[in-house]
Amino acid sequence: MGCGSDFLFAMPSFWSGVARTLDLGSTFDSYNESRTPQEADSRALHADWKAVGHDLRDSMRTFERENPEPAQLALALVER
């Protein structure tokens, strides 16, 4: 499972994309399927929260880099 919320969609290669232009019957259409709707929901929720965590971590690192003094004070408060 990837980090993004796009795991339900196929990620074709370049050559697969070229072949799709000639595929008039849509025989190349494929998707990453789940066994049940609950499994699909669970996987989507997991992927969404993983993306949120990734964005939050990136934001905290950017803040720390741009504001080293307040970031050190916040870290000191958390470590108490």
Protein backbone atom coordinates (compact mmCIF):
# COMPACT_ATOMS: atom_id res chain seq x y z
CA MET A 1 0.00 0.00 0.00
CA GLY A 2 1.40 3.39 -0.96
CA CYS A 3 1.47 6.57 1.04
CA GLY A 4 -1.11 8.34 -1.09
CA SER A 5 -4.83 7.75 -1.36
CA ASP A 6 -4.52 6.56 -4.93
CA PHE A 7 -4.11 2.85 -4.23
CA LEU A 8 -7.53 2.08 -5.71
CA PHE A 9 -6.34 3.28 -9.11
CA ALA A 10 -4.05 1.47 -11.53
CA MET A 11 -0.69 3.13 -12.17
CA PRO A 12 0.13 2.10 -15.74
CA SER A 13 3.59 2.31 -17.26
CA PHE A 14 4.43 4.45 -20.28
CA TRP A 15 4.09 1.50 -22.65
CA SER A 16 0.79 0.50 -21.07
CA GLY A 17 -0.42 4.05 -21.74
CA VAL A 18 0.68 3.79 -25.36
CA ALA A 19 -1.15 0.46 -25.71
CA ARG A 20 -4.31 1.99 -24.20
CA THR A 21 -4.55 4.41 -27.13
CA LEU A 22 -5.09 1.38 -29.38
CA ASP A 23 -7.33 -0.52 -26.91
CA LEU A 24 -10.76 0.31 -28.30
CA GLY A 25 -12.46 -2.42 -26.23
CA SER A 26 -11.06 -1.16 -22.89
CA THR A 27 -9.50 -4.55 -22.15
CA PHE A 28 -6.57 -2.93 -20.31
CA ASP A 29 -8.77 -1.29 -17.67
CA SER A 30 -7.80 -2.67 -14.28
CA TYR A 31 -8.02 -1.39 -10.73
CA ASN A 32 -6.60 -2.41 -7.39
CA GLU A 33 -9.66 -4.07 -5.92
CA SER A 34 -10.54 -4.96 -2.34
CA ARG A 35 -12.44 -8.09 -1.32
CA THR A 36 -15.15 -6.16 0.55
CA PRO A 37 -16.37 -2.57 0.80
CA GLN A 38 -15.23 -2.56 4.43
CA GLU A 39 -11.71 -3.54 3.40
CA ALA A 40 -11.67 -0.76 0.78
CA ASP A 41 -12.85 1.76 3.40
CA SER A 42 -10.26 0.57 5.90
CA ARG A 43 -7.45 0.79 3.36
CA ALA A 44 -8.57 4.25 2.24
CA LEU A 45 -8.82 5.51 5.83
CA HIS A 46 -5.36 4.12 6.63
CA ALA A 47 -3.88 5.76 3.52
CA ASP A 48 -5.56 9.10 4.33
CA TRP A 49 -4.25 9.20 7.91
CA LYS A 50 -0.81 8.12 6.74
CA ALA A 51 -0.81 11.07 4.32
CA VAL A 52 -1.96 13.42 7.10
CA GLY A 53 0.88 12.20 9.33
CA HIS A 54 3.39 12.68 6.53
CA ASP A 55 2.17 16.25 5.90
CA LEU A 56 2.21 17.05 9.62
CA ARG A 57 5.78 15.75 10.00
CA ASP A 58 6.90 17.81 6.99
CA SER A 59 5.22 20.92 8.43
CA MET A 60 6.87 20.44 11.82
CA ARG A 61 10.30 20.01 10.21
CA THR A 62 9.79 23.15 8.11
CA PHE A 63 8.72 25.11 11.19
CA GLU A 64 11.73 23.87 13.15
CA ARG A 65 14.11 24.79 10.34
CA GLU A 66 12.62 28.27 9.91
CA ASN A 67 12.11 28.97 13.66
CA PRO A 68 14.82 27.13 15.59
CA GLU A 69 14.38 28.99 18.88
CA PRO A 70 10.60 28.49 19.35
CA ALA A 71 10.97 24.91 18.16
CA GLN A 72 13.60 24.22 20.82
CA LEU A 73 11.36 25.77 23.49
CA ALA A 74 8.43 23.62 22.39
CA LEU A 75 10.63 20.52 22.43
CA ALA A 76 11.82 21.37 25.96
CA LEU A 77 8.21 21.65 27.13
CA VAL A 78 7.30 18.30 25.61
CA GLU A 79 10.32 16.53 27.12
CA ARG A 80 9.42 17.56 30.69
